[in-house]
Structure formats: C-alpha cells, structure tokens
Amino acid sequence: MEPIEILKQFNSCYVNIQAIAQDENWLLLIAEKKIDPEAATHLADVMHYLGEAMGCVEEVVEIKFNQESKS
C-alpha cells in the first residue's frame, strides 16, 4: 500500500470516528451514563492518536511528492 493510500484510509477512519463522537445517540449514551463515561475520553484519545499518525504519514507523502515533482 502506498503512503497516500494509507493516509486516505486513516482519513476515512478519522472521519468515521469523528461522526460517532458527534452522533446524538453516542452523546446520549454518555449523558445518560448507559456506558462508562470514560468511553468519551477513549474515543477522543483514538482521534488524537489517529491524527498524530496521519501527521507522520503526511510528512512521508509530502517528501515523496516533492521528490517526484523535482524529477
């Protein structure tokens, strides 16, 4: 899998997880304490670390793009 494909997959995951974090049903589960309140923290952590991983892959994609554009 090429770095740009990895980045696209990460981005897709990030968008999906973000949609869950903003979903009314998810927010109600947290608010009504039907699930462990730490779940919101864990989901935020996942988004944070996924964003960090995306940043690392973006650097590789940019370097590769710059090398290809100079060729």
Protein backbone atom coordinates (compact mmCIF):
# COMPACT_ATOMS: atom_id res chain seq x y z
CA MET A 1 0.00 0.00 0.00
CA GLU A 2 1.40 3.39 -0.99
CA PRO A 3 1.72 6.12 1.67
CA ILE A 4 -1.03 8.19 0.02
CA GLU A 5 -3.37 5.17 0.22
CA ILE A 6 -2.51 4.71 3.91
CA LEU A 7 -3.22 8.39 4.51
CA LYS A 8 -6.56 8.11 2.73
CA GLN A 9 -7.51 5.09 4.87
CA PHE A 10 -6.51 6.89 8.06
CA ASN A 11 -8.51 9.92 6.98
CA SER A 12 -11.55 7.77 6.26
CA CYS A 13 -11.27 6.19 9.72
CA TYR A 14 -10.87 9.61 11.33
CA VAL A 15 -13.99 10.95 9.60
CA ASN A 16 -16.00 7.90 10.67
CA ILE A 17 -14.83 8.10 14.28
CA GLN A 18 -15.50 11.84 14.35
CA ALA A 19 -19.05 11.17 13.13
CA ILE A 20 -19.55 8.74 16.01
CA ALA A 21 -18.19 11.25 18.53
CA GLN A 22 -20.70 13.83 17.29
CA ASP A 23 -23.62 11.43 16.94
CA GLU A 24 -26.64 12.24 19.08
CA ASN A 25 -27.07 8.62 20.17
CA TRP A 26 -23.44 8.38 21.26
CA LEU A 27 -23.78 11.62 23.21
CA LEU A 28 -26.97 10.35 24.87
CA LEU A 29 -25.28 7.11 25.89
CA ILE A 30 -22.61 9.17 27.62
CA ALA A 31 -25.02 11.71 29.13
CA GLU A 32 -27.38 9.05 30.45
CA LYS A 33 -24.44 7.05 31.81
CA LYS A 34 -25.54 3.94 29.95
CA ILE A 35 -21.90 3.30 29.14
CA ASP A 36 -18.72 4.07 31.02
CA PRO A 37 -18.17 7.86 30.89
CA GLU A 38 -14.51 7.11 30.14
CA ALA A 39 -15.68 5.94 26.70
CA ALA A 40 -15.84 9.56 25.55
CA THR A 41 -12.27 10.07 26.70
CA HIS A 42 -11.14 6.89 24.97
CA LEU A 43 -12.79 7.96 21.72
CA ALA A 44 -11.12 11.36 21.94
CA ASP A 45 -7.80 9.60 22.56
CA VAL A 46 -8.31 7.44 19.46
CA MET A 47 -8.96 10.56 17.38
CA HIS A 48 -5.89 12.26 18.83
CA TYR A 49 -3.54 9.35 18.14
CA LEU A 50 -5.02 8.71 14.71
CA GLY A 51 -4.46 12.39 13.92
CA GLU A 52 -0.85 12.07 15.10
CA ALA A 53 -0.33 9.01 12.89
CA MET A 54 -1.85 10.87 9.96
CA GLY A 55 0.60 13.71 10.51
CA CYS A 56 3.53 11.29 10.34
CA VAL A 57 2.26 9.75 7.11
CA GLU A 58 1.55 13.20 5.65
CA GLU A 59 5.24 14.03 6.06
CA VAL A 60 6.19 10.94 4.03
CA VAL A 61 3.60 11.78 1.36
CA GLU A 62 4.88 15.38 1.11
CA ILE A 63 8.50 14.26 0.84
CA LYS A 64 7.61 11.73 -1.85
CA PHE A 65 5.53 14.33 -3.73
CA ASN A 66 8.38 16.85 -3.58
CA GLN A 67 10.87 14.28 -4.84
CA GLU A 68 8.61 13.28 -7.71
CA SER A 69 7.93 16.89 -8.70
CA LYS A 70 11.68 17.62 -8.86
CA SER A 71 12.26 14.66 -11.19
